[in-house]
Amino acid sequence: MSSLDISIVVPLLNEAESLPELMSWISRVMEDHQYRYEVFFVDDGSTDSSWSVIQQLSEQHEQVKGIRFQRNYGKSAALNKAFELVSGEVVITMDADLQDSPDEIPELYDMITRQGFDLVSGWKKKRYDPLSKTIPTKLYNGVVRIMSGIKLHDFNCGLKAYRLIVVKSIEVYGEMHRYIPVIAKWAGFANIGEKVVSHQARKYGSSKFGLSRFINGPLDMLSIMLVGKFAKRPMHFFGSVGTFTFLIGFAILAYLSISKIWWDQTGIQDRPLFYFGIIALIIGSQLFLAGFLAELIARNSTTRNHYQVVETLGVTGNETATKSFFKV
């Protein structure tokens, strides 16, 4: 069992003004509840004095640990690196801009330790954001909810809580941090909860996220859904789609051939449907071959049989524990 109750992970970019106030707030909450804790501040290539502030905080608080990136790699990289190092029984992630309240931590901790959730995601039901941000966010969350089958209202909320084993069993990169609940579900952690959390108005600085997330986000979601479901069996996806497309093309050409023989004397090469049938045959064949090649690659992959054993009974011998990543 971990010697620490809570590990707090705070990814940040140019948030020097808010860090002292955030750490003071976190310390007060932790001390009030007598938690054993650590705080990881991950400086994702800040160009202001954020790292200097983190160094000062580490001198004032023994619980503060810092990670500094050479340049800006993104929030997913910051979270993933911290996840490798944390050791608390419960891992809490929050943003550094003071919009996430540390006062929510005790209840999030209880939901993991007492109510048995694997992951709890915050829901900023009342937001202090402009309509240009809230309306696209609602649409985005609705689409992800339908595609993933996870009944969360706010997938992108930075305030989340995890059991330690969850963050040790997943890997995130690119912009996949928005879909950690989806990644966790595909990794076998399906007990996902939600908690309404307060949303504070931004006090310092400005938002670091632009409209590009509404373009890149759906693409990342499709990647997770396809890889999470078909990474170990790509032929099931490419083969089924390819076979269906091939059969459509075959049916079209068969119909045109029969019609040519029995009742339509015009040349089938003059009909647009003929070329559609040919294209469907070619695409179907290519998809089937792509699935076959992907299956050969998957069978030779070193991760083809990676899984995580949770518990054993009556097993003896030399067992070894391996870290299981959800790779996308």
C-alpha atoms as a PDB file:
ATOM      1  CA  MET A   1       0.000   0.000   0.000  1.00  0.00           C
ATOM      2  CA  SER A   2       1.239   3.503  -0.807  1.00  0.00           C
ATOM      3  CA  SER A   3       2.785   5.561   1.973  1.00  0.00           C
ATOM      4  CA  LEU A   4       1.071   8.645   0.536  1.00  0.00           C
ATOM      5  CA  ASP A   5      -2.640   9.305   0.447  1.00  0.00           C
ATOM      6  CA  ILE A   6      -2.710  11.731  -2.464  1.00  0.00           C
ATOM      7  CA  SER A   7      -0.509  12.769  -5.368  1.00  0.00           C
ATOM      8  CA  ILE A   8      -1.538  16.035  -7.005  1.00  0.00           C
ATOM      9  CA  VAL A   9      -0.419  16.677 -10.592  1.00  0.00           C
ATOM     10  CA  VAL A  10      -0.504  20.233 -11.920  1.00  0.00           C
ATOM     11  CA  PRO A  11       0.573  20.734 -15.567  1.00  0.00           C
ATOM     12  CA  LEU A  12       1.246  24.366 -16.350  1.00  0.00           C
ATOM     13  CA  LEU A  13       2.370  26.822 -18.995  1.00  0.00           C
ATOM     14  CA  ASN A  14       3.210  30.412 -18.030  1.00  0.00           C
ATOM     15  CA  GLU A  15       1.268  30.450 -14.756  1.00  0.00           C
ATOM     16  CA  ALA A  16       3.855  32.091 -12.474  1.00  0.00           C
ATOM     17  CA  GLU A  17       1.331  34.475 -10.906  1.00  0.00           C
ATOM     18  CA  SER A  18      -1.132  31.806  -9.809  1.00  0.00           C
ATOM     19  CA  LEU A  19       1.251  29.145  -8.438  1.00  0.00           C
ATOM     20  CA  PRO A  20       1.911  30.581  -4.934  1.00  0.00           C
ATOM     21  CA  GLU A  21      -1.796  31.084  -4.314  1.00  0.00           C
ATOM     22  CA  LEU A  22      -2.628  27.619  -5.655  1.00  0.00           C
ATOM     23  CA  MET A  23       0.003  25.927  -3.455  1.00  0.00           C
ATOM     24  CA  SER A  24      -1.188  27.830  -0.396  1.00  0.00           C
ATOM     25  CA  TRP A  25      -4.732  26.691  -1.110  1.00  0.00           C
ATOM     26  CA  ILE A  26      -3.669  23.073  -1.604  1.00  0.00           C
ATOM     27  CA  SER A  27      -1.604  23.102   1.606  1.00  0.00           C
ATOM     28  CA  ARG A  28      -4.512  24.415   3.645  1.00  0.00           C
ATOM     29  CA  VAL A  29      -6.858  21.708   2.380  1.00  0.00           C
ATOM     30  CA  MET A  30      -4.291  18.929   2.885  1.00  0.00           C
ATOM     31  CA  GLU A  31      -3.436  20.029   6.412  1.00  0.00           C
ATOM     32  CA  ASP A  32      -7.085  20.417   7.400  1.00  0.00           C
ATOM     33  CA  HIS A  33      -7.692  16.769   6.479  1.00  0.00           C
ATOM     34  CA  GLN A  34      -4.258  15.513   7.577  1.00  0.00           C
ATOM     35  CA  TYR A  35      -3.481  13.908   4.242  1.00  0.00           C
ATOM     36  CA  ARG A  36      -0.026  12.616   3.397  1.00  0.00           C
ATOM     37  CA  TYR A  37       0.589  14.092  -0.031  1.00  0.00           C
ATOM     38  CA  GLU A  38       2.917  15.262  -2.773  1.00  0.00           C
ATOM     39  CA  VAL A  39       2.449  17.899  -5.459  1.00  0.00           C
ATOM     40  CA  PHE A  40       4.009  17.577  -8.909  1.00  0.00           C
ATOM     41  CA  PHE A  41       4.229  20.853 -10.819  1.00  0.00           C
ATOM     42  CA  VAL A  42       5.042  20.080 -14.462  1.00  0.00           C
ATOM     43  CA  ASP A  43       6.412  23.124 -16.281  1.00  0.00           C
ATOM     44  CA  ASP A  44       5.579  22.495 -19.923  1.00  0.00           C
ATOM     45  CA  GLY A  45       8.147  24.850 -21.445  1.00  0.00           C
ATOM     46  CA  SER A  46       7.065  28.101 -19.784  1.00  0.00           C
ATOM     47  CA  THR A  47       8.705  31.310 -20.983  1.00  0.00           C
ATOM     48  CA  ASP A  48       7.899  33.292 -17.837  1.00  0.00           C
ATOM     49  CA  SER A  49       9.244  32.767 -14.314  1.00  0.00           C
ATOM     50  CA  SER A  50       7.119  29.709 -13.545  1.00  0.00           C
ATOM     51  CA  TRP A  51      10.113  27.446 -12.916  1.00  0.00           C
ATOM     52  CA  SER A  52      11.686  29.918 -10.524  1.00  0.00           C
ATOM     53  CA  VAL A  53       8.434  30.054  -8.599  1.00  0.00           C
ATOM     54  CA  ILE A  54       8.310  26.242  -8.461  1.00  0.00           C
ATOM     55  CA  GLN A  55      11.857  26.188  -7.093  1.00  0.00           C
ATOM     56  CA  GLN A  56      10.874  28.663  -4.384  1.00  0.00           C
ATOM     57  CA  LEU A  57       7.797  26.625  -3.494  1.00  0.00           C
ATOM     58  CA  SER A  58       9.901  23.460  -3.190  1.00  0.00           C
ATOM     59  CA  GLU A  59      12.081  25.225  -0.641  1.00  0.00           C
ATOM     60  CA  GLN A  60       9.027  26.268   1.356  1.00  0.00           C
ATOM     61  CA  HIS A  61       7.111  22.962   1.069  1.00  0.00           C
ATOM     62  CA  GLU A  62       8.799  19.589   1.211  1.00  0.00           C
ATOM     63  CA  GLN A  63       5.831  18.057  -0.616  1.00  0.00           C
ATOM     64  CA  VAL A  64       6.496  20.066  -3.786  1.00  0.00           C
ATOM     65  CA  LYS A  65       8.244  18.305  -6.670  1.00  0.00           C
ATOM     66  CA  GLY A  66       8.950  19.831 -10.043  1.00  0.00           C
ATOM     67  CA  ILE A  67       9.394  18.639 -13.610  1.00  0.00           C
ATOM     68  CA  ARG A  68      10.583  21.018 -16.293  1.00  0.00           C
ATOM     69  CA  PHE A  69      10.362  20.366 -20.041  1.00  0.00           C
ATOM     70  CA  GLN A  70      12.859  21.857 -22.461  1.00  0.00           C
ATOM     71  CA  ARG A  71      10.007  23.126 -24.613  1.00  0.00           C
ATOM     72  CA  ASN A  72       6.227  22.961 -24.805  1.00  0.00           C
ATOM     73  CA  TYR A  73       5.201  19.356 -25.472  1.00  0.00           C
ATOM     74  CA  GLY A  74       1.545  19.644 -24.482  1.00  0.00           C
ATOM     75  CA  LYS A  75      -0.638  18.680 -21.560  1.00  0.00           C
ATOM     76  CA  SER A  76      -0.691  14.979 -22.396  1.00  0.00           C
ATOM     77  CA  ALA A  77       3.101  14.728 -22.183  1.00  0.00           C
ATOM     78  CA  ALA A  78       3.095  16.616 -18.874  1.00  0.00           C
ATOM     79  CA  LEU A  79       0.483  14.307 -17.367  1.00  0.00           C
ATOM     80  CA  ASN A  80       2.122  11.155 -18.689  1.00  0.00           C
ATOM     81  CA  LYS A  81       5.530  12.031 -17.225  1.00  0.00           C
ATOM     82  CA  ALA A  82       4.018  12.832 -13.835  1.00  0.00           C
ATOM     83  CA  PHE A  83       1.981   9.612 -13.895  1.00  0.00           C
ATOM     84  CA  GLU A  84       5.242   7.684 -14.166  1.00  0.00           C
ATOM     85  CA  LEU A  85       6.524   9.255 -10.937  1.00  0.00           C
ATOM     86  CA  VAL A  86       3.512   9.604  -8.635  1.00  0.00           C
ATOM     87  CA  SER A  87       3.069   7.227  -5.705  1.00  0.00           C
ATOM     88  CA  GLY A  88      -0.073   8.371  -3.877  1.00  0.00           C
ATOM     89  CA  GLU A  89      -2.994   6.003  -3.340  1.00  0.00           C
ATOM     90  CA  VAL A  90      -5.176   8.513  -5.191  1.00  0.00           C
ATOM     91  CA  VAL A  91      -3.918  10.760  -7.998  1.00  0.00           C
ATOM     92  CA  ILE A  92      -5.596  14.136  -8.500  1.00  0.00           C
ATOM     93  CA  THR A  93      -5.036  16.260 -11.599  1.00  0.00           C
ATOM     94  CA  MET A  94      -5.924  19.939 -11.742  1.00  0.00           C
ATOM     95  CA  ASP A  95      -5.102  23.003 -13.795  1.00  0.00           C
ATOM     96  CA  ALA A  96      -2.805  25.725 -12.502  1.00  0.00           C
ATOM     97  CA  ASP A  97      -4.995  28.700 -13.373  1.00  0.00           C
ATOM     98  CA  LEU A  98      -7.052  28.625 -10.125  1.00  0.00           C
ATOM     99  CA  GLN A  99     -10.199  27.672 -12.021  1.00  0.00           C
ATOM    100  CA  ASP A 100     -10.122  24.248 -10.323  1.00  0.00           C
ATOM    101  CA  SER A 101     -10.791  24.359  -6.579  1.00  0.00           C
ATOM    102  CA  PRO A 102      -8.590  22.260  -4.229  1.00  0.00           C
ATOM    103  CA  ASP A 103     -11.567  22.226  -1.839  1.00  0.00           C
ATOM    104  CA  GLU A 104     -13.018  19.493  -4.071  1.00  0.00           C
ATOM    105  CA  ILE A 105     -10.125  17.126  -3.298  1.00  0.00           C
ATOM    106  CA  PRO A 106     -11.481  15.516  -0.077  1.00  0.00           C
ATOM    107  CA  GLU A 107     -14.731  14.415  -1.713  1.00  0.00           C
ATOM    108  CA  LEU A 108     -12.901  13.187  -4.822  1.00  0.00           C
ATOM    109  CA  TYR A 109     -10.582  11.200  -2.552  1.00  0.00           C
ATOM    110  CA  ASP A 110     -13.533   9.632  -0.749  1.00  0.00           C
ATOM    111  CA  MET A 111     -15.226   8.680  -4.022  1.00  0.00           C
ATOM    112  CA  ILE A 112     -12.122   6.711  -5.010  1.00  0.00           C
ATOM    113  CA  THR A 113     -11.255   5.155  -1.642  1.00  0.00           C
ATOM    114  CA  ARG A 114     -14.707   4.599  -0.130  1.00  0.00           C
ATOM    115  CA  GLN A 115     -17.126   4.428  -3.032  1.00  0.00           C
ATOM    116  CA  GLY A 116     -14.818   2.296  -5.160  1.00  0.00           C
ATOM    117  CA  PHE A 117     -14.569   4.327  -8.341  1.00  0.00           C
ATOM    118  CA  ASP A 118     -11.558   3.803 -10.603  1.00  0.00           C
ATOM    119  CA  LEU A 119     -11.793   7.333 -11.963  1.00  0.00           C
ATOM    120  CA  VAL A 120     -13.883  10.368 -11.068  1.00  0.00           C
ATOM    121  CA  SER A 121     -14.186  13.248 -13.503  1.00  0.00           C
ATOM    122  CA  GLY A 122     -15.199  16.750 -12.528  1.00  0.00           C
ATOM    123  CA  TRP A 123     -18.209  18.406 -14.142  1.00  0.00           C
ATOM    124  CA  LYS A 124     -18.149  22.187 -14.289  1.00  0.00           C
ATOM    125  CA  LYS A 125     -21.898  22.487 -14.489  1.00  0.00           C
ATOM    126  CA  LYS A 126     -21.816  26.267 -14.059  1.00  0.00           C
ATOM    127  CA  ARG A 127     -19.024  27.783 -16.094  1.00  0.00           C
ATOM    128  CA  TYR A 128     -17.533  31.266 -16.257  1.00  0.00           C
ATOM    129  CA  ASP A 129     -16.541  31.056 -19.912  1.00  0.00           C
ATOM    130  CA  PRO A 130     -17.767  32.972 -22.981  1.00  0.00           C
ATOM    131  CA  LEU A 131     -20.451  31.429 -25.186  1.00  0.00           C
ATOM    132  CA  SER A 132     -17.841  30.941 -27.927  1.00  0.00           C
ATOM    133  CA  LYS A 133     -16.291  28.323 -25.651  1.00  0.00           C
ATOM    134  CA  THR A 134     -19.249  26.840 -23.781  1.00  0.00           C
ATOM    135  CA  ILE A 135     -21.472  26.055 -26.789  1.00  0.00           C
ATOM    136  CA  PRO A 136     -18.804  24.142 -28.792  1.00  0.00           C
ATOM    137  CA  THR A 137     -17.803  22.375 -25.567  1.00  0.00           C
ATOM    138  CA  LYS A 138     -21.345  21.116 -25.013  1.00  0.00           C
ATOM    139  CA  LEU A 139     -21.531  19.822 -28.594  1.00  0.00           C
ATOM    140  CA  TYR A 140     -18.129  18.205 -28.289  1.00  0.00           C
ATOM    141  CA  ASN A 141     -19.000  16.462 -25.017  1.00  0.00           C
ATOM    142  CA  GLY A 142     -22.268  15.225 -26.488  1.00  0.00           C
ATOM    143  CA  VAL A 143     -20.510  13.603 -29.439  1.00  0.00           C
ATOM    144  CA  VAL A 144     -17.882  11.952 -27.223  1.00  0.00           C
ATOM    145  CA  ARG A 145     -20.599  10.718 -24.876  1.00  0.00           C
ATOM    146  CA  ILE A 146     -22.405   9.008 -27.761  1.00  0.00           C
ATOM    147  CA  MET A 147     -19.270   7.559 -29.343  1.00  0.00           C
ATOM    148  CA  SER A 148     -17.694   6.257 -26.134  1.00  0.00           C
ATOM    149  CA  GLY A 149     -20.781   5.196 -24.217  1.00  0.00           C
ATOM    150  CA  ILE A 150     -19.400   6.913 -21.087  1.00  0.00           C
ATOM    151  CA  LYS A 151     -22.029   9.088 -19.418  1.00  0.00           C
ATOM    152  CA  LEU A 152     -19.902  12.104 -18.534  1.00  0.00           C
ATOM    153  CA  HIS A 153     -20.886  15.722 -19.087  1.00  0.00           C
ATOM    154  CA  ASP A 154     -17.403  17.264 -19.123  1.00  0.00           C
ATOM    155  CA  PHE A 155     -14.653  15.045 -20.558  1.00  0.00           C
ATOM    156  CA  ASN A 156     -12.194  17.935 -20.775  1.00  0.00           C
ATOM    157  CA  CYS A 157     -12.393  19.011 -17.128  1.00  0.00           C
ATOM    158  CA  GLY A 158      -8.850  19.162 -15.728  1.00  0.00           C
ATOM    159  CA  LEU A 159      -9.997  18.211 -12.235  1.00  0.00           C
ATOM    160  CA  LYS A 160     -10.019  14.401 -12.065  1.00  0.00           C
ATOM    161  CA  ALA A 161      -9.193  11.697  -9.527  1.00  0.00           C
ATOM    162  CA  TYR A 162      -7.744   8.256 -10.243  1.00  0.00           C
ATOM    163  CA  ARG A 163      -6.763   5.141  -8.406  1.00  0.00           C
ATOM    164  CA  LEU A 164      -2.989   4.793  -8.635  1.00  0.00           C
ATOM    165  CA  ILE A 165      -3.222   1.613 -10.698  1.00  0.00           C
ATOM    166  CA  VAL A 166      -5.188   3.472 -13.378  1.00  0.00           C
ATOM    167  CA  VAL A 167      -2.472   6.049 -14.134  1.00  0.00           C
ATOM    168  CA  LYS A 168       0.169   3.318 -14.004  1.00  0.00           C
ATOM    169  CA  SER A 169      -1.716   1.266 -16.605  1.00  0.00           C
ATOM    170  CA  ILE A 170      -2.347   3.862 -19.317  1.00  0.00           C
ATOM    171  CA  GLU A 171      -0.260   6.033 -21.573  1.00  0.00           C
ATOM    172  CA  VAL A 172      -1.342   9.344 -23.097  1.00  0.00           C
ATOM    173  CA  TYR A 173       0.332  11.517 -25.694  1.00  0.00           C
ATOM    174  CA  GLY A 174      -0.509  14.083 -28.347  1.00  0.00           C
ATOM    175  CA  GLU A 175      -3.809  15.568 -27.218  1.00  0.00           C
ATOM    176  CA  MET A 176      -5.232  12.371 -25.744  1.00  0.00           C
ATOM    177  CA  HIS A 177      -5.560  13.875 -22.246  1.00  0.00           C
ATOM    178  CA  ARG A 178      -9.115  14.890 -23.163  1.00  0.00           C
ATOM    179  CA  TYR A 179     -10.035  11.234 -23.501  1.00  0.00           C
ATOM    180  CA  ILE A 180      -8.393   9.682 -20.445  1.00  0.00           C
ATOM    181  CA  PRO A 181     -11.781   8.298 -19.281  1.00  0.00           C
ATOM    182  CA  VAL A 182     -12.144   6.576 -22.658  1.00  0.00           C
ATOM    183  CA  ILE A 183      -8.567   5.240 -22.522  1.00  0.00           C
ATOM    184  CA  ALA A 184      -9.133   4.018 -18.962  1.00  0.00           C
ATOM    185  CA  LYS A 185     -12.325   2.244 -20.013  1.00  0.00           C
ATOM    186  CA  TRP A 186     -10.555   0.403 -22.820  1.00  0.00           C
ATOM    187  CA  ALA A 187      -7.799  -0.544 -20.352  1.00  0.00           C
ATOM    188  CA  GLY A 188     -10.401  -2.274 -18.193  1.00  0.00           C
ATOM    189  CA  PHE A 189     -11.245   0.442 -15.649  1.00  0.00           C
ATOM    190  CA  ALA A 190     -14.941   0.876 -16.327  1.00  0.00           C
ATOM    191  CA  ASN A 191     -16.112   2.128 -12.919  1.00  0.00           C
ATOM    192  CA  ILE A 192     -16.095   5.795 -13.864  1.00  0.00           C
ATOM    193  CA  GLY A 193     -17.912   8.424 -11.829  1.00  0.00           C
ATOM    194  CA  GLU A 194     -18.646  12.109 -12.057  1.00  0.00           C
ATOM    195  CA  LYS A 195     -18.799  14.925  -9.526  1.00  0.00           C
ATOM    196  CA  VAL A 196     -20.174  18.424  -9.973  1.00  0.00           C
ATOM    197  CA  VAL A 197     -17.323  20.804  -9.139  1.00  0.00           C
ATOM    198  CA  SER A 198     -17.133  24.565  -8.815  1.00  0.00           C
ATOM    199  CA  HIS A 199     -15.611  26.565 -11.628  1.00  0.00           C
ATOM    200  CA  GLN A 200     -13.692  29.669 -10.648  1.00  0.00           C
ATOM    201  CA  ALA A 201     -13.315  32.648 -12.960  1.00  0.00           C
ATOM    202  CA  ARG A 202      -9.762  32.979 -14.288  1.00  0.00           C
ATOM    203  CA  LYS A 203      -7.799  35.329 -12.053  1.00  0.00           C
ATOM    204  CA  TYR A 204      -4.471  35.587 -13.877  1.00  0.00           C
ATOM    205  CA  GLY A 205      -3.255  35.216 -17.449  1.00  0.00           C
ATOM    206  CA  SER A 206      -5.243  33.876 -20.374  1.00  0.00           C
ATOM    207  CA  SER A 207      -6.422  30.532 -21.721  1.00  0.00           C
ATOM    208  CA  LYS A 208      -3.778  28.421 -23.462  1.00  0.00           C
ATOM    209  CA  PHE A 209      -6.245  26.486 -25.623  1.00  0.00           C
ATOM    210  CA  GLY A 210      -7.470  27.614 -29.032  1.00  0.00           C
ATOM    211  CA  LEU A 211     -10.164  26.542 -31.453  1.00  0.00           C
ATOM    212  CA  SER A 212      -7.846  23.899 -32.934  1.00  0.00           C
ATOM    213  CA  ARG A 213      -8.927  21.497 -30.188  1.00  0.00           C
ATOM    214  CA  PHE A 214     -12.370  21.282 -31.819  1.00  0.00           C
ATOM    215  CA  ILE A 215     -10.698  20.070 -35.020  1.00  0.00           C
ATOM    216  CA  ASN A 216      -8.040  17.803 -33.530  1.00  0.00           C
ATOM    217  CA  GLY A 217     -10.276  16.501 -30.755  1.00  0.00           C
ATOM    218  CA  PRO A 218     -12.678  14.427 -32.915  1.00  0.00           C
ATOM    219  CA  LEU A 219      -9.721  12.969 -34.842  1.00  0.00           C
ATOM    220  CA  ASP A 220      -8.071  11.890 -31.588  1.00  0.00           C
ATOM    221  CA  MET A 221     -11.367  10.395 -30.466  1.00  0.00           C
ATOM    222  CA  LEU A 222     -11.639   8.304 -33.618  1.00  0.00           C
ATOM    223  CA  SER A 223      -8.049   7.120 -33.129  1.00  0.00           C
ATOM    224  CA  ILE A 224      -8.772   5.979 -29.587  1.00  0.00           C
ATOM    225  CA  MET A 225     -12.013   4.240 -30.519  1.00  0.00           C
ATOM    226  CA  LEU A 226     -10.529   2.377 -33.481  1.00  0.00           C
ATOM    227  CA  VAL A 227      -7.209   1.448 -31.888  1.00  0.00           C
ATOM    228  CA  GLY A 228      -8.749   0.626 -28.539  1.00  0.00           C
ATOM    229  CA  LYS A 229     -11.201  -1.790 -30.139  1.00  0.00           C
ATOM    230  CA  PHE A 230      -9.227  -3.207 -33.051  1.00  0.00           C
ATOM    231  CA  ALA A 231      -5.506  -2.855 -32.174  1.00  0.00           C
ATOM    232  CA  LYS A 232      -5.233  -6.573 -31.380  1.00  0.00           C
ATOM    233  CA  ARG A 233      -7.522  -7.684 -34.219  1.00  0.00           C
ATOM    234  CA  PRO A 234      -7.286  -5.205 -37.128  1.00  0.00           C
ATOM    235  CA  MET A 235      -8.676  -7.746 -39.590  1.00  0.00           C
ATOM    236  CA  HIS A 236     -12.052  -7.511 -37.840  1.00  0.00           C
ATOM    237  CA  PHE A 237     -12.305  -3.848 -38.848  1.00  0.00           C
ATOM    238  CA  PHE A 238     -10.563  -3.657 -42.218  1.00  0.00           C
ATOM    239  CA  GLY A 239     -11.733  -7.092 -43.287  1.00  0.00           C
ATOM    240  CA  SER A 240     -15.398  -6.482 -42.507  1.00  0.00           C
ATOM    241  CA  VAL A 241     -15.456  -3.028 -44.128  1.00  0.00           C
ATOM    242  CA  GLY A 242     -13.465  -4.291 -47.100  1.00  0.00           C
ATOM    243  CA  THR A 243     -15.716  -7.329 -47.588  1.00  0.00           C
ATOM    244  CA  PHE A 244     -18.867  -5.204 -47.354  1.00  0.00           C
ATOM    245  CA  THR A 245     -17.513  -2.709 -49.919  1.00  0.00           C
ATOM    246  CA  PHE A 246     -16.380  -5.505 -52.256  1.00  0.00           C
ATOM    247  CA  LEU A 247     -19.794  -7.168 -52.110  1.00  0.00           C
ATOM    248  CA  ILE A 248     -21.510  -3.863 -52.965  1.00  0.00           C
ATOM    249  CA  GLY A 249     -19.276  -3.479 -56.008  1.00  0.00           C
ATOM    250  CA  PHE A 250     -19.805  -7.098 -57.022  1.00  0.00           C
ATOM    251  CA  ALA A 251     -23.589  -6.752 -56.704  1.00  0.00           C
ATOM    252  CA  ILE A 252     -23.597  -3.593 -58.836  1.00  0.00           C
ATOM    253  CA  LEU A 253     -21.535  -5.200 -61.611  1.00  0.00           C
ATOM    254  CA  ALA A 254     -23.629  -8.384 -61.466  1.00  0.00           C
ATOM    255  CA  TYR A 255     -26.822  -6.341 -61.837  1.00  0.00           C
ATOM    256  CA  LEU A 256     -25.392  -4.394 -64.790  1.00  0.00           C
ATOM    257  CA  SER A 257     -24.229  -7.598 -66.480  1.00  0.00           C
ATOM    258  CA  ILE A 258     -27.605  -9.308 -66.090  1.00  0.00           C
ATOM    259  CA  SER A 259     -29.436  -6.206 -67.304  1.00  0.00           C
ATOM    260  CA  LYS A 260     -27.145  -6.077 -70.343  1.00  0.00           C
ATOM    261  CA  ILE A 261     -27.917  -9.688 -71.218  1.00  0.00           C
ATOM    262  CA  TRP A 262     -31.661  -9.692 -70.669  1.00  0.00           C
ATOM    263  CA  TRP A 263     -33.258  -6.307 -71.214  1.00  0.00           C
ATOM    264  CA  ASP A 264     -30.877  -3.352 -71.619  1.00  0.00           C
ATOM    265  CA  GLN A 265     -28.875  -3.407 -74.813  1.00  0.00           C
ATOM    266  CA  THR A 266     -26.903  -0.198 -74.141  1.00  0.00           C
ATOM    267  CA  GLY A 267     -23.246  -0.478 -73.168  1.00  0.00           C
ATOM    268  CA  ILE A 268     -22.751  -0.754 -69.419  1.00  0.00           C
ATOM    269  CA  GLN A 269     -19.481   1.170 -69.735  1.00  0.00           C
ATOM    270  CA  ASP A 270     -21.543   4.254 -70.499  1.00  0.00           C
ATOM    271  CA  ARG A 271     -23.359   4.103 -67.160  1.00  0.00           C
ATOM    272  CA  PRO A 272     -21.872   5.932 -64.112  1.00  0.00           C
ATOM    273  CA  LEU A 273     -22.993   3.028 -61.899  1.00  0.00           C
ATOM    274  CA  PHE A 274     -20.488   0.786 -63.701  1.00  0.00           C
ATOM    275  CA  TYR A 275     -17.536   2.906 -62.558  1.00  0.00           C
ATOM    276  CA  PHE A 276     -18.906   3.084 -59.029  1.00  0.00           C
ATOM    277  CA  GLY A 277     -19.000  -0.720 -58.954  1.00  0.00           C
ATOM    278  CA  ILE A 278     -15.406  -0.963 -60.206  1.00  0.00           C
ATOM    279  CA  ILE A 279     -14.219   1.521 -57.572  1.00  0.00           C
ATOM    280  CA  ALA A 280     -16.065  -0.379 -54.818  1.00  0.00           C
ATOM    281  CA  LEU A 281     -14.363  -3.629 -55.884  1.00  0.00           C
ATOM    282  CA  ILE A 282     -10.920  -2.014 -55.838  1.00  0.00           C
ATOM    283  CA  ILE A 283     -11.414  -0.252 -52.487  1.00  0.00           C
ATOM    284  CA  GLY A 284     -12.865  -3.391 -50.924  1.00  0.00           C
ATOM    285  CA  SER A 285      -9.888  -5.468 -52.069  1.00  0.00           C
ATOM    286  CA  GLN A 286      -7.429  -2.882 -50.783  1.00  0.00           C
ATOM    287  CA  LEU A 287      -9.121  -2.675 -47.378  1.00  0.00           C
ATOM    288  CA  PHE A 288      -9.112  -6.463 -47.064  1.00  0.00           C
ATOM    289  CA  LEU A 289      -5.396  -6.595 -47.915  1.00  0.00           C
ATOM    290  CA  ALA A 290      -4.713  -3.749 -45.466  1.00  0.00           C
ATOM    291  CA  GLY A 291      -6.433  -5.744 -42.725  1.00  0.00           C
ATOM    292  CA  PHE A 292      -4.409  -8.844 -43.613  1.00  0.00           C
ATOM    293  CA  LEU A 293      -1.113  -6.921 -43.475  1.00  0.00           C
ATOM    294  CA  ALA A 294      -2.118  -5.203 -40.220  1.00  0.00           C
ATOM    295  CA  GLU A 295      -2.949  -8.625 -38.749  1.00  0.00           C
ATOM    296  CA  LEU A 296       0.530  -9.888 -39.646  1.00  0.00           C
ATOM    297  CA  ILE A 297       2.084  -6.825 -37.989  1.00  0.00           C
ATOM    298  CA  ALA A 298      -0.074  -7.208 -34.867  1.00  0.00           C
ATOM    299  CA  ARG A 299       0.858 -10.882 -34.521  1.00  0.00           C
ATOM    300  CA  ASN A 300       4.548  -9.971 -34.547  1.00  0.00           C
ATOM    301  CA  SER A 301       4.154  -7.038 -32.136  1.00  0.00           C
ATOM    302  CA  THR A 302       5.911  -7.304 -28.766  1.00  0.00           C
ATOM    303  CA  THR A 303       2.722  -5.981 -27.088  1.00  0.00           C
ATOM    304  CA  ARG A 304       0.319  -8.494 -28.672  1.00  0.00           C
ATOM    305  CA  ASN A 305      -0.104 -10.349 -25.353  1.00  0.00           C
ATOM    306  CA  HIS A 306       0.400  -7.553 -22.838  1.00  0.00           C
ATOM    307  CA  TYR A 307      -2.159  -7.674 -20.089  1.00  0.00           C
ATOM    308  CA  GLN A 308      -2.282  -6.861 -16.421  1.00  0.00           C
ATOM    309  CA  VAL A 309      -3.011  -9.528 -13.823  1.00  0.00           C
ATOM    310  CA  VAL A 310      -5.051  -8.052 -10.988  1.00  0.00           C
ATOM    311  CA  GLU A 311      -5.150 -11.073  -8.687  1.00  0.00           C
ATOM    312  CA  THR A 312      -4.285 -14.772  -8.657  1.00  0.00           C
ATOM    313  CA  LEU A 313      -5.354 -17.770  -6.584  1.00  0.00           C
ATOM    314  CA  GLY A 314      -3.341 -20.964  -6.110  1.00  0.00           C
ATOM    315  CA  VAL A 315      -0.607 -19.869  -8.524  1.00  0.00           C
ATOM    316  CA  THR A 316       2.995 -20.736  -7.710  1.00  0.00           C
ATOM    317  CA  GLY A 317       6.226 -20.191  -9.564  1.00  0.00           C
ATOM    318  CA  ASN A 318       8.242 -17.244 -10.757  1.00  0.00           C
ATOM    319  CA  GLU A 319       5.693 -14.616 -11.671  1.00  0.00           C
ATOM    320  CA  THR A 320       6.836 -11.267 -12.977  1.00  0.00           C
ATOM    321  CA  ALA A 321       4.871  -8.054 -12.989  1.00  0.00           C
ATOM    322  CA  THR A 322       4.844  -5.954 -16.131  1.00  0.00           C
ATOM    323  CA  LYS A 323       3.472  -2.506 -16.756  1.00  0.00           C
ATOM    324  CA  SER A 324       0.628  -2.600 -19.238  1.00  0.00           C
ATOM    325  CA  PHE A 325       0.232   0.442 -21.450  1.00  0.00           C
ATOM    326  CA  PHE A 326      -2.766   1.398 -23.530  1.00  0.00           C
ATOM    327  CA  LYS A 327      -0.915   2.551 -26.625  1.00  0.00           C
ATOM    328  CA  VAL A 328      -2.623   4.697 -29.223  1.00  0.00           C
END
